Amino acid sequence: MTGDQIRRVIEDSINFFLDATIGGGEGSYAFAAGLRYDIDYTAAFGSRITNLEVNKRLEETWGPINSTATYTVVTHNYIA
């Protein structure tokens, strides 16, 4: 996935979480190893994520995610 796609998935996840929580349901929430970011729940959709950083393979130092770079993303088979 590109860095931009990762950012958009996190934004979508937060949006689903907020919609379900406000609507009384149980929304999902994005958790990820090797990513860290700040969230502003009061910001408009598409602007809630700031300071998105990546730590490739949890072996390197943290740094800003590159929106055009391609990253390998791993998930459980029951999610995919």
C-alpha atoms as a PDB file:
ATOM      1  CA  MET A   1       0.000   0.000   0.000  1.00  0.00           C
ATOM      2  CA  THR A   2       1.145   3.550  -0.510  1.00  0.00           C
ATOM      3  CA  GLY A   3       1.521   5.882   2.430  1.00  0.00           C
ATOM      4  CA  ASP A   4      -1.513   7.794   1.182  1.00  0.00           C
ATOM      5  CA  GLN A   5      -3.619   4.612   1.082  1.00  0.00           C
ATOM      6  CA  ILE A   6      -2.565   3.778   4.638  1.00  0.00           C
ATOM      7  CA  ARG A   7      -3.569   7.255   5.801  1.00  0.00           C
ATOM      8  CA  ARG A   8      -6.962   6.906   4.079  1.00  0.00           C
ATOM      9  CA  VAL A   9      -7.633   3.487   5.660  1.00  0.00           C
ATOM     10  CA  ILE A  10      -6.933   4.932   9.106  1.00  0.00           C
ATOM     11  CA  GLU A  11      -9.224   7.905   8.366  1.00  0.00           C
ATOM     12  CA  ASP A  12     -11.985   5.533   7.202  1.00  0.00           C
ATOM     13  CA  SER A  13     -11.579   3.386  10.301  1.00  0.00           C
ATOM     14  CA  ILE A  14     -11.821   6.377  12.619  1.00  0.00           C
ATOM     15  CA  ASN A  15     -14.858   7.634  10.732  1.00  0.00           C
ATOM     16  CA  PHE A  16     -16.572   4.244  11.077  1.00  0.00           C
ATOM     17  CA  PHE A  17     -15.683   4.140  14.774  1.00  0.00           C
ATOM     18  CA  LEU A  18     -17.141   7.607  15.380  1.00  0.00           C
ATOM     19  CA  ASP A  19     -20.306   6.930  13.360  1.00  0.00           C
ATOM     20  CA  ALA A  20     -20.971   3.670  15.172  1.00  0.00           C
ATOM     21  CA  THR A  21     -20.145   5.098  18.593  1.00  0.00           C
ATOM     22  CA  ILE A  22     -22.375   8.140  18.128  1.00  0.00           C
ATOM     23  CA  GLY A  23     -25.080   5.926  16.621  1.00  0.00           C
ATOM     24  CA  GLY A  24     -24.906   3.511  19.555  1.00  0.00           C
ATOM     25  CA  GLY A  25     -23.107   0.684  17.752  1.00  0.00           C
ATOM     26  CA  GLU A  26     -19.680  -0.776  18.192  1.00  0.00           C
ATOM     27  CA  GLY A  27     -17.334   0.560  15.552  1.00  0.00           C
ATOM     28  CA  SER A  28     -13.940  -0.821  14.686  1.00  0.00           C
ATOM     29  CA  TYR A  29     -10.742   1.038  15.400  1.00  0.00           C
ATOM     30  CA  ALA A  30      -7.449   0.802  13.557  1.00  0.00           C
ATOM     31  CA  PHE A  31      -4.549  -0.634  15.524  1.00  0.00           C
ATOM     32  CA  ALA A  32      -1.225  -1.231  13.834  1.00  0.00           C
ATOM     33  CA  ALA A  33       2.317  -2.166  14.715  1.00  0.00           C
ATOM     34  CA  GLY A  34       4.925   0.102  13.216  1.00  0.00           C
ATOM     35  CA  LEU A  35       2.593   3.089  12.842  1.00  0.00           C
ATOM     36  CA  ARG A  36       1.921   5.946  15.196  1.00  0.00           C
ATOM     37  CA  TYR A  37      -0.147   9.069  14.746  1.00  0.00           C
ATOM     38  CA  ASP A  38      -2.186  11.718  16.483  1.00  0.00           C
ATOM     39  CA  ILE A  39      -5.969  11.908  16.112  1.00  0.00           C
ATOM     40  CA  ASP A  40      -8.236  14.924  16.411  1.00  0.00           C
ATOM     41  CA  TYR A  41     -11.781  13.567  16.632  1.00  0.00           C
ATOM     42  CA  THR A  42     -13.210  17.061  16.231  1.00  0.00           C
ATOM     43  CA  ALA A  43     -11.488  17.698  12.883  1.00  0.00           C
ATOM     44  CA  ALA A  44     -13.238  17.169   9.569  1.00  0.00           C
ATOM     45  CA  PHE A  45     -13.022  13.798   7.825  1.00  0.00           C
ATOM     46  CA  GLY A  46      -9.726  13.621   5.952  1.00  0.00           C
ATOM     47  CA  SER A  47      -7.983  15.900   8.444  1.00  0.00           C
ATOM     48  CA  ARG A  48      -8.167  13.869  11.647  1.00  0.00           C
ATOM     49  CA  ILE A  49      -4.753  12.194  11.310  1.00  0.00           C
ATOM     50  CA  THR A  50      -1.587  14.176  11.946  1.00  0.00           C
ATOM     51  CA  ASN A  51       2.019  13.236  12.649  1.00  0.00           C
ATOM     52  CA  LEU A  52       1.677   9.865  10.899  1.00  0.00           C
ATOM     53  CA  GLU A  53       4.973   8.045  11.336  1.00  0.00           C
ATOM     54  CA  VAL A  54       6.265   4.637  10.340  1.00  0.00           C
ATOM     55  CA  ASN A  55       8.907   2.359  11.819  1.00  0.00           C
ATOM     56  CA  LYS A  56       9.672  -0.202   9.097  1.00  0.00           C
ATOM     57  CA  ARG A  57       9.828  -3.735  10.479  1.00  0.00           C
ATOM     58  CA  LEU A  58      10.179  -2.199  13.941  1.00  0.00           C
ATOM     59  CA  GLU A  59      13.929  -2.163  13.391  1.00  0.00           C
ATOM     60  CA  GLU A  60      14.539   1.409  12.347  1.00  0.00           C
ATOM     61  CA  THR A  61      13.843   4.805  13.821  1.00  0.00           C
ATOM     62  CA  TRP A  62      10.477   6.510  13.505  1.00  0.00           C
ATOM     63  CA  GLY A  63       9.986   8.877  10.592  1.00  0.00           C
ATOM     64  CA  PRO A  64       7.185  10.537   8.630  1.00  0.00           C
ATOM     65  CA  ILE A  65       5.321   8.250   6.273  1.00  0.00           C
ATOM     66  CA  ASN A  66       5.947   8.983   2.611  1.00  0.00           C
ATOM     67  CA  SER A  67       2.597   9.338   0.830  1.00  0.00           C
ATOM     68  CA  THR A  68       3.969   8.010  -2.483  1.00  0.00           C
ATOM     69  CA  ALA A  69       6.220   5.235  -1.128  1.00  0.00           C
ATOM     70  CA  THR A  70       4.987   1.644  -1.137  1.00  0.00           C
ATOM     71  CA  TYR A  71       4.835  -0.229   2.175  1.00  0.00           C
ATOM     72  CA  THR A  72       4.239  -3.911   2.854  1.00  0.00           C
ATOM     73  CA  VAL A  73       1.152  -4.385   5.012  1.00  0.00           C
ATOM     74  CA  VAL A  74       0.407  -7.618   6.857  1.00  0.00           C
ATOM     75  CA  THR A  75      -2.918  -8.688   8.364  1.00  0.00           C
ATOM     76  CA  HIS A  76      -4.636 -11.758   9.794  1.00  0.00           C
ATOM     77  CA  ASN A  77      -6.319 -13.995   7.229  1.00  0.00           C
ATOM     78  CA  TYR A  78      -9.731 -13.505   8.866  1.00  0.00           C
ATOM     79  CA  ILE A  79      -9.545  -9.754   8.225  1.00  0.00           C
ATOM     80  CA  ALA A  80      -8.325  -9.845   4.628  1.00  0.00           C
END
